[in-house]
N, C-alpha and C. Protein backbone atom coordinates (compact mmCIF):
# COMPACT_ATOMS: atom_id res chain seq x y z
N UNK A 1 8.69 -14.90 -4.55
CA UNK A 1 9.54 -13.93 -3.91
C UNK A 1 10.70 -13.63 -4.84
N UNK A 2 10.86 -12.36 -5.17
CA UNK A 2 11.98 -11.96 -6.00
C UNK A 2 13.10 -11.48 -5.09
N UNK A 3 14.30 -11.90 -5.38
CA UNK A 3 15.42 -11.48 -4.57
C UNK A 3 16.35 -10.65 -5.44
N UNK A 4 16.80 -9.57 -4.91
CA UNK A 4 17.74 -8.72 -5.60
C UNK A 4 19.07 -8.83 -4.88
N UNK A 5 20.13 -8.56 -5.60
CA UNK A 5 21.44 -8.60 -5.01
C UNK A 5 21.56 -7.46 -4.00
N UNK A 6 21.71 -7.81 -2.73
CA UNK A 6 21.77 -6.81 -1.67
C UNK A 6 22.94 -5.85 -1.84
N UNK A 7 23.99 -6.28 -2.55
CA UNK A 7 25.14 -5.41 -2.76
C UNK A 7 24.78 -4.25 -3.68
N UNK A 8 23.81 -4.44 -4.55
CA UNK A 8 23.43 -3.39 -5.49
C UNK A 8 22.38 -2.44 -4.93
N UNK A 9 21.73 -2.80 -3.84
CA UNK A 9 20.69 -1.96 -3.27
C UNK A 9 21.32 -1.05 -2.22
N UNK A 10 21.26 0.23 -2.50
CA UNK A 10 21.82 1.21 -1.57
C UNK A 10 20.88 1.42 -0.39
N UNK A 11 21.44 1.79 0.77
CA UNK A 11 20.59 2.07 1.93
C UNK A 11 19.55 3.16 1.66
N UNK A 12 19.91 4.18 0.88
CA UNK A 12 18.96 5.25 0.58
C UNK A 12 17.77 4.71 -0.21
N UNK A 13 18.00 3.72 -1.06
CA UNK A 13 16.91 3.11 -1.83
C UNK A 13 15.94 2.38 -0.90
N UNK A 14 16.48 1.70 0.09
CA UNK A 14 15.63 1.03 1.07
C UNK A 14 14.85 2.05 1.90
N UNK A 15 15.51 3.12 2.29
CA UNK A 15 14.85 4.17 3.09
C UNK A 15 13.73 4.83 2.29
N UNK A 16 14.00 5.18 1.04
CA UNK A 16 12.97 5.81 0.20
C UNK A 16 11.81 4.83 -0.03
N UNK A 17 12.13 3.56 -0.22
CA UNK A 17 11.08 2.55 -0.40
C UNK A 17 10.19 2.46 0.83
N UNK A 18 10.79 2.39 2.00
CA UNK A 18 10.01 2.32 3.24
C UNK A 18 9.18 3.59 3.42
N UNK A 19 9.79 4.75 3.20
CA UNK A 19 9.06 6.01 3.32
C UNK A 19 7.91 6.08 2.32
N UNK A 20 8.12 5.51 1.16
CA UNK A 20 7.08 5.50 0.15
C UNK A 20 5.86 4.70 0.63
N UNK A 21 6.11 3.57 1.28
CA UNK A 21 4.98 2.78 1.82
C UNK A 21 4.31 3.51 2.98
N UNK A 22 5.11 4.11 3.84
CA UNK A 22 4.55 4.81 5.00
C UNK A 22 3.69 6.00 4.57
N UNK A 23 4.12 6.70 3.53
CA UNK A 23 3.39 7.89 3.07
C UNK A 23 2.43 7.58 1.93
N UNK A 24 2.21 6.29 1.66
CA UNK A 24 1.31 5.85 0.59
C UNK A 24 1.71 6.42 -0.77
N UNK A 25 2.99 6.39 -1.06
CA UNK A 25 3.48 6.76 -2.38
C UNK A 25 3.97 8.19 -2.53
N UNK A 26 3.66 9.07 -1.59
CA UNK A 26 4.03 10.48 -1.72
C UNK A 26 5.55 10.66 -1.74
N UNK A 27 6.25 10.02 -0.82
CA UNK A 27 7.71 10.14 -0.78
C UNK A 27 8.33 9.59 -2.07
N UNK A 28 7.79 8.51 -2.58
CA UNK A 28 8.29 7.94 -3.83
C UNK A 28 8.05 8.86 -5.01
N UNK A 29 6.88 9.47 -5.04
CA UNK A 29 6.57 10.42 -6.11
C UNK A 29 7.52 11.61 -6.08
N UNK A 30 7.79 12.10 -4.89
CA UNK A 30 8.75 13.20 -4.75
C UNK A 30 10.13 12.76 -5.24
N UNK A 31 10.52 11.53 -4.92
CA UNK A 31 11.82 11.00 -5.35
C UNK A 31 11.89 10.88 -6.87
N UNK A 32 10.80 10.44 -7.49
CA UNK A 32 10.75 10.35 -8.95
C UNK A 32 10.90 11.73 -9.58
N UNK A 33 10.22 12.72 -9.02
CA UNK A 33 10.32 14.09 -9.54
C UNK A 33 11.74 14.62 -9.40
N UNK A 34 12.37 14.37 -8.25
CA UNK A 34 13.76 14.81 -8.04
C UNK A 34 14.68 14.12 -9.04
N UNK A 35 14.50 12.81 -9.23
CA UNK A 35 15.33 12.06 -10.18
C UNK A 35 15.13 12.59 -11.60
N UNK A 36 13.91 12.94 -11.95
CA UNK A 36 13.63 13.49 -13.28
C UNK A 36 14.31 14.85 -13.47
N UNK A 37 14.22 15.69 -12.46
CA UNK A 37 14.84 17.03 -12.54
C UNK A 37 16.35 16.92 -12.71
N UNK A 38 16.98 16.02 -11.95
CA UNK A 38 18.43 15.86 -12.03
C UNK A 38 18.86 14.82 -13.05
N UNK A 39 17.91 14.31 -13.84
CA UNK A 39 18.17 13.34 -14.90
C UNK A 39 18.93 12.11 -14.40
N UNK A 40 18.43 11.56 -13.29
CA UNK A 40 19.01 10.35 -12.70
C UNK A 40 18.09 9.17 -12.96
N UNK A 41 18.69 8.01 -13.14
CA UNK A 41 17.92 6.78 -13.35
C UNK A 41 17.62 6.17 -11.99
N UNK A 42 16.39 5.74 -11.79
CA UNK A 42 16.00 5.07 -10.56
C UNK A 42 16.10 3.57 -10.81
N UNK A 43 16.80 2.87 -9.91
CA UNK A 43 16.99 1.43 -10.06
C UNK A 43 15.66 0.70 -9.95
N UNK A 44 15.65 -0.50 -10.53
CA UNK A 44 14.44 -1.32 -10.61
C UNK A 44 13.82 -1.55 -9.23
N UNK A 45 14.62 -1.94 -8.25
CA UNK A 45 14.11 -2.25 -6.91
C UNK A 45 13.35 -1.07 -6.32
N UNK A 46 13.94 0.10 -6.40
CA UNK A 46 13.29 1.30 -5.85
C UNK A 46 12.04 1.66 -6.64
N UNK A 47 12.12 1.63 -7.96
CA UNK A 47 10.96 1.98 -8.78
C UNK A 47 9.82 0.99 -8.54
N UNK A 48 10.15 -0.29 -8.42
CA UNK A 48 9.13 -1.31 -8.14
C UNK A 48 8.39 -0.98 -6.85
N UNK A 49 9.13 -0.66 -5.81
CA UNK A 49 8.51 -0.36 -4.52
C UNK A 49 7.72 0.94 -4.54
N UNK A 50 8.21 1.94 -5.26
CA UNK A 50 7.48 3.20 -5.37
C UNK A 50 6.15 2.97 -6.08
N UNK A 51 6.19 2.25 -7.19
CA UNK A 51 4.96 1.99 -7.94
C UNK A 51 4.00 1.13 -7.11
N UNK A 52 4.53 0.13 -6.43
CA UNK A 52 3.68 -0.72 -5.61
C UNK A 52 3.01 0.08 -4.49
N UNK A 53 3.73 0.99 -3.86
CA UNK A 53 3.13 1.81 -2.80
C UNK A 53 2.04 2.71 -3.36
N UNK A 54 2.25 3.24 -4.56
CA UNK A 54 1.23 4.08 -5.19
C UNK A 54 0.00 3.27 -5.57
N UNK A 55 0.21 2.06 -6.08
CA UNK A 55 -0.91 1.20 -6.46
C UNK A 55 -1.73 0.83 -5.21
N UNK A 56 -1.05 0.52 -4.12
CA UNK A 56 -1.75 0.21 -2.87
C UNK A 56 -2.60 1.41 -2.44
N UNK A 57 -2.01 2.61 -2.50
CA UNK A 57 -2.75 3.82 -2.11
C UNK A 57 -3.96 4.05 -3.02
N UNK A 58 -3.78 3.85 -4.32
CA UNK A 58 -4.88 4.04 -5.27
C UNK A 58 -5.99 3.00 -5.02
N UNK A 59 -5.60 1.75 -4.82
CA UNK A 59 -6.60 0.70 -4.57
C UNK A 59 -7.37 0.97 -3.28
N UNK A 60 -6.68 1.44 -2.25
CA UNK A 60 -7.37 1.78 -1.00
C UNK A 60 -8.34 2.95 -1.20
N UNK A 61 -7.91 3.95 -1.94
CA UNK A 61 -8.78 5.10 -2.21
C UNK A 61 -10.01 4.67 -3.01
N UNK A 62 -9.81 3.81 -4.00
CA UNK A 62 -10.93 3.32 -4.81
C UNK A 62 -11.88 2.49 -3.95
N UNK A 63 -11.34 1.65 -3.09
CA UNK A 63 -12.18 0.85 -2.20
C UNK A 63 -13.01 1.74 -1.29
N UNK A 64 -12.37 2.74 -0.69
CA UNK A 64 -13.11 3.64 0.20
C UNK A 64 -14.17 4.43 -0.55
N UNK A 65 -13.87 4.84 -1.77
CA UNK A 65 -14.84 5.57 -2.58
C UNK A 65 -16.03 4.69 -2.92
N UNK A 66 -15.76 3.48 -3.35
CA UNK A 66 -16.84 2.54 -3.68
C UNK A 66 -17.70 2.25 -2.45
N UNK A 67 -17.05 2.03 -1.32
CA UNK A 67 -17.82 1.76 -0.11
C UNK A 67 -18.66 2.96 0.31
N UNK A 68 -18.13 4.18 0.13
CA UNK A 68 -18.90 5.37 0.50
C UNK A 68 -20.09 5.59 -0.43
N UNK A 69 -20.03 5.04 -1.61
CA UNK A 69 -21.16 5.14 -2.54
C UNK A 69 -22.16 4.01 -2.31
N UNK A 70 -21.64 2.79 -2.13
CA UNK A 70 -22.50 1.62 -2.02
C UNK A 70 -23.25 1.56 -0.68
N UNK A 71 -22.59 1.88 0.40
CA UNK A 71 -23.21 1.73 1.72
C UNK A 71 -24.50 2.55 1.87
N UNK A 72 -24.53 3.83 1.48
CA UNK A 72 -25.81 4.56 1.59
C UNK A 72 -26.91 3.98 0.70
N UNK A 73 -26.51 3.50 -0.47
CA UNK A 73 -27.51 2.90 -1.37
C UNK A 73 -28.06 1.62 -0.76
N UNK A 74 -27.19 0.77 -0.20
CA UNK A 74 -27.64 -0.47 0.42
C UNK A 74 -28.53 -0.20 1.63
N UNK A 75 -28.25 0.88 2.33
CA UNK A 75 -29.05 1.18 3.52
C UNK A 75 -30.47 1.62 3.18
N UNK A 76 -30.74 1.95 1.93
CA UNK A 76 -32.09 2.33 1.51
C UNK A 76 -32.98 1.13 1.19
N UNK A 77 -32.36 -0.01 0.93
CA UNK A 77 -33.11 -1.23 0.59
C UNK A 77 -33.43 -1.97 1.89
N UNK A 78 -34.71 -2.22 2.16
CA UNK A 78 -35.11 -2.78 3.47
C UNK A 78 -34.31 -4.00 3.93
N UNK A 79 -34.23 -5.05 3.13
CA UNK A 79 -33.53 -6.25 3.56
C UNK A 79 -32.02 -6.01 3.65
N UNK A 80 -31.47 -5.26 2.70
CA UNK A 80 -30.03 -5.02 2.66
C UNK A 80 -29.58 -3.98 3.68
N UNK A 81 -30.53 -3.24 4.25
CA UNK A 81 -30.20 -2.25 5.27
C UNK A 81 -29.51 -2.92 6.45
N UNK A 82 -30.04 -4.06 6.85
CA UNK A 82 -29.45 -4.81 7.96
C UNK A 82 -28.05 -5.31 7.61
N UNK A 83 -27.89 -5.84 6.41
CA UNK A 83 -26.59 -6.34 5.96
C UNK A 83 -25.58 -5.21 5.86
N UNK A 84 -25.99 -4.07 5.32
CA UNK A 84 -25.07 -2.94 5.20
C UNK A 84 -24.68 -2.40 6.57
N UNK A 85 -25.62 -2.44 7.52
CA UNK A 85 -25.29 -1.99 8.88
C UNK A 85 -24.25 -2.91 9.51
N UNK A 86 -24.40 -4.21 9.32
CA UNK A 86 -23.42 -5.16 9.86
C UNK A 86 -22.07 -4.97 9.19
N UNK A 87 -22.06 -4.84 7.87
CA UNK A 87 -20.82 -4.63 7.13
C UNK A 87 -20.14 -3.33 7.55
N UNK A 88 -20.91 -2.28 7.70
CA UNK A 88 -20.37 -1.00 8.13
C UNK A 88 -19.78 -1.11 9.54
N UNK A 89 -20.45 -1.84 10.41
CA UNK A 89 -19.96 -2.04 11.77
C UNK A 89 -18.65 -2.81 11.76
N UNK A 90 -18.60 -3.88 10.96
CA UNK A 90 -17.39 -4.70 10.89
C UNK A 90 -16.21 -3.88 10.36
N UNK A 91 -16.46 -3.06 9.36
CA UNK A 91 -15.37 -2.28 8.77
C UNK A 91 -14.93 -1.11 9.65
N UNK A 92 -15.81 -0.66 10.55
CA UNK A 92 -15.45 0.53 11.32
C UNK A 92 -15.11 0.26 12.77
N UNK A 93 -15.48 -0.89 13.32
CA UNK A 93 -15.18 -1.16 14.73
C UNK A 93 -13.67 -1.23 14.94
N UNK A 94 -13.22 -0.62 15.99
CA UNK A 94 -11.80 -0.60 16.31
C UNK A 94 -11.48 -1.85 17.13
N UNK A 95 -10.65 -2.71 16.56
CA UNK A 95 -10.32 -3.97 17.25
C UNK A 95 -9.03 -3.87 18.06
N UNK A 96 -8.17 -2.94 17.69
CA UNK A 96 -6.89 -2.78 18.38
C UNK A 96 -6.72 -1.30 18.71
N UNK A 97 -6.36 -1.03 19.94
CA UNK A 97 -6.16 0.35 20.37
C UNK A 97 -4.81 0.48 21.07
N UNK A 98 -4.09 1.51 20.70
CA UNK A 98 -2.85 1.87 21.37
C UNK A 98 -3.08 3.22 22.01
N UNK A 99 -3.55 3.19 23.25
CA UNK A 99 -3.93 4.43 23.91
C UNK A 99 -2.75 5.37 24.10
N UNK A 100 -1.57 4.81 24.38
CA UNK A 100 -0.40 5.67 24.60
C UNK A 100 0.01 6.41 23.33
N UNK A 101 -0.24 5.82 22.16
CA UNK A 101 0.10 6.46 20.90
C UNK A 101 -1.08 7.18 20.27
N UNK A 102 -2.27 6.97 20.81
CA UNK A 102 -3.46 7.59 20.24
C UNK A 102 -3.88 6.94 18.93
N UNK A 103 -3.54 5.67 18.74
CA UNK A 103 -3.87 4.95 17.51
C UNK A 103 -4.91 3.88 17.78
N UNK A 104 -5.73 3.65 16.79
CA UNK A 104 -6.65 2.52 16.84
C UNK A 104 -6.86 2.03 15.41
N UNK A 105 -7.08 0.72 15.28
CA UNK A 105 -7.22 0.11 13.97
C UNK A 105 -8.53 -0.67 13.89
N UNK A 106 -9.25 -0.49 12.78
CA UNK A 106 -10.37 -1.36 12.49
C UNK A 106 -9.78 -2.64 11.91
N UNK A 107 -10.61 -3.64 11.71
CA UNK A 107 -10.13 -4.91 11.15
C UNK A 107 -9.49 -4.68 9.79
N UNK A 108 -10.17 -3.92 8.93
CA UNK A 108 -9.66 -3.64 7.60
C UNK A 108 -8.33 -2.89 7.66
N UNK A 109 -8.25 -1.86 8.50
CA UNK A 109 -7.01 -1.10 8.64
C UNK A 109 -5.89 -1.97 9.19
N UNK A 110 -6.22 -2.88 10.10
CA UNK A 110 -5.22 -3.77 10.68
C UNK A 110 -4.67 -4.71 9.63
N UNK A 111 -5.52 -5.25 8.75
CA UNK A 111 -5.07 -6.13 7.67
C UNK A 111 -4.13 -5.37 6.74
N UNK A 112 -4.49 -4.15 6.37
CA UNK A 112 -3.62 -3.33 5.51
C UNK A 112 -2.31 -3.05 6.21
N UNK A 113 -2.36 -2.75 7.50
CA UNK A 113 -1.15 -2.49 8.29
C UNK A 113 -0.22 -3.69 8.29
N UNK A 114 -0.76 -4.89 8.48
CA UNK A 114 0.05 -6.12 8.48
C UNK A 114 0.67 -6.35 7.11
N UNK A 115 -0.10 -6.13 6.05
CA UNK A 115 0.44 -6.28 4.69
C UNK A 115 1.58 -5.31 4.46
N UNK A 116 1.42 -4.06 4.89
CA UNK A 116 2.49 -3.06 4.72
C UNK A 116 3.72 -3.42 5.54
N UNK A 117 3.55 -3.92 6.75
CA UNK A 117 4.70 -4.35 7.56
C UNK A 117 5.42 -5.49 6.87
N UNK A 118 4.67 -6.43 6.32
CA UNK A 118 5.23 -7.56 5.57
C UNK A 118 6.07 -7.06 4.40
N UNK A 119 5.54 -6.11 3.64
CA UNK A 119 6.25 -5.57 2.49
C UNK A 119 7.48 -4.78 2.94
N UNK A 120 7.35 -3.98 4.00
CA UNK A 120 8.46 -3.17 4.50
C UNK A 120 9.60 -4.05 5.00
N UNK A 121 9.29 -5.15 5.66
CA UNK A 121 10.34 -6.09 6.09
C UNK A 121 11.08 -6.63 4.87
N UNK A 122 10.33 -6.95 3.82
CA UNK A 122 10.97 -7.41 2.58
C UNK A 122 11.89 -6.35 2.00
N UNK A 123 11.46 -5.10 2.02
CA UNK A 123 12.29 -4.01 1.52
C UNK A 123 13.58 -3.92 2.33
N UNK A 124 13.47 -4.02 3.64
CA UNK A 124 14.65 -3.88 4.51
C UNK A 124 15.68 -4.99 4.28
N UNK A 125 15.23 -6.18 3.88
CA UNK A 125 16.19 -7.25 3.62
C UNK A 125 16.52 -7.38 2.13
N UNK A 126 15.99 -6.47 1.32
CA UNK A 126 16.34 -6.43 -0.09
C UNK A 126 15.55 -7.38 -0.96
N UNK A 127 14.37 -7.75 -0.54
CA UNK A 127 13.53 -8.66 -1.31
C UNK A 127 12.18 -8.03 -1.59
N UNK A 128 11.56 -8.52 -2.64
CA UNK A 128 10.21 -8.11 -2.97
C UNK A 128 9.34 -9.34 -2.73
N UNK A 129 8.51 -9.30 -1.69
CA UNK A 129 7.67 -10.43 -1.37
C UNK A 129 6.43 -10.46 -2.24
N UNK A 130 5.93 -11.66 -2.46
CA UNK A 130 4.74 -11.86 -3.28
C UNK A 130 3.50 -11.43 -2.51
N UNK A 131 2.73 -10.54 -3.11
CA UNK A 131 1.43 -10.15 -2.58
C UNK A 131 0.41 -10.52 -3.66
N UNK A 132 -0.54 -11.42 -3.34
CA UNK A 132 -1.48 -11.88 -4.36
C UNK A 132 -2.12 -10.71 -5.12
N UNK A 133 -2.31 -10.89 -6.40
CA UNK A 133 -2.88 -9.93 -7.34
C UNK A 133 -1.95 -8.73 -7.55
N UNK A 134 -1.47 -8.15 -6.50
CA UNK A 134 -0.67 -6.93 -6.60
C UNK A 134 0.67 -7.17 -7.28
N UNK A 135 1.35 -8.24 -6.93
CA UNK A 135 2.65 -8.53 -7.52
C UNK A 135 2.55 -8.75 -9.03
N UNK A 136 1.52 -9.46 -9.47
CA UNK A 136 1.33 -9.69 -10.91
C UNK A 136 1.07 -8.37 -11.63
N UNK A 137 0.26 -7.52 -11.02
CA UNK A 137 -0.05 -6.22 -11.61
C UNK A 137 1.21 -5.36 -11.73
N UNK A 138 2.00 -5.30 -10.68
CA UNK A 138 3.23 -4.50 -10.70
C UNK A 138 4.23 -5.07 -11.69
N UNK A 139 4.33 -6.39 -11.77
CA UNK A 139 5.26 -7.01 -12.74
C UNK A 139 4.89 -6.63 -14.17
N UNK A 140 3.58 -6.57 -14.47
CA UNK A 140 3.15 -6.15 -15.80
C UNK A 140 3.55 -4.70 -16.08
N UNK A 141 3.39 -3.85 -15.08
CA UNK A 141 3.76 -2.45 -15.24
C UNK A 141 5.27 -2.30 -15.40
N UNK A 142 6.04 -3.11 -14.68
CA UNK A 142 7.49 -2.97 -14.64
C UNK A 142 8.21 -3.71 -15.76
N UNK A 143 7.52 -4.47 -16.61
CA UNK A 143 8.17 -5.24 -17.67
C UNK A 143 9.02 -4.38 -18.58
N UNK A 144 8.55 -3.22 -18.90
CA UNK A 144 9.27 -2.36 -19.85
C UNK A 144 10.31 -1.46 -19.16
N UNK A 145 10.38 -1.50 -17.84
CA UNK A 145 11.30 -0.63 -17.11
C UNK A 145 12.70 -1.24 -17.06
N UNK A 146 13.67 -0.47 -17.41
CA UNK A 146 15.07 -0.93 -17.34
C UNK A 146 15.84 -0.06 -16.41
């Protein structure tokens, strides 16, 4: 867990970080473009969270793409057809439903939701929590950032 000095983190940086996670990096990308246009430096904490939200979005997109390619192929193989059907069912069944909000989550979506809530809580208290694999990847990307 990396801790940043809360006195140096502005509320707007926390808000942009949270919005970046909620929008899967879009709000952060817009903030980077605005900072570039006005020639402003983005602090490490905010840039770290923007990049992390974008990496999460990219990894999710890659996972969904791979699954959309692999599942039809697996369903053509007689023995693996059964396994792919079970895997497809597990990934798509809605385990949690919020009827009043019109939301429902599959197991996979729920796990991602919990991870994002965990990260967002860290942002709100001014910390960057450790997420296996992801934190090491972001640290490598951020080494040269000042």
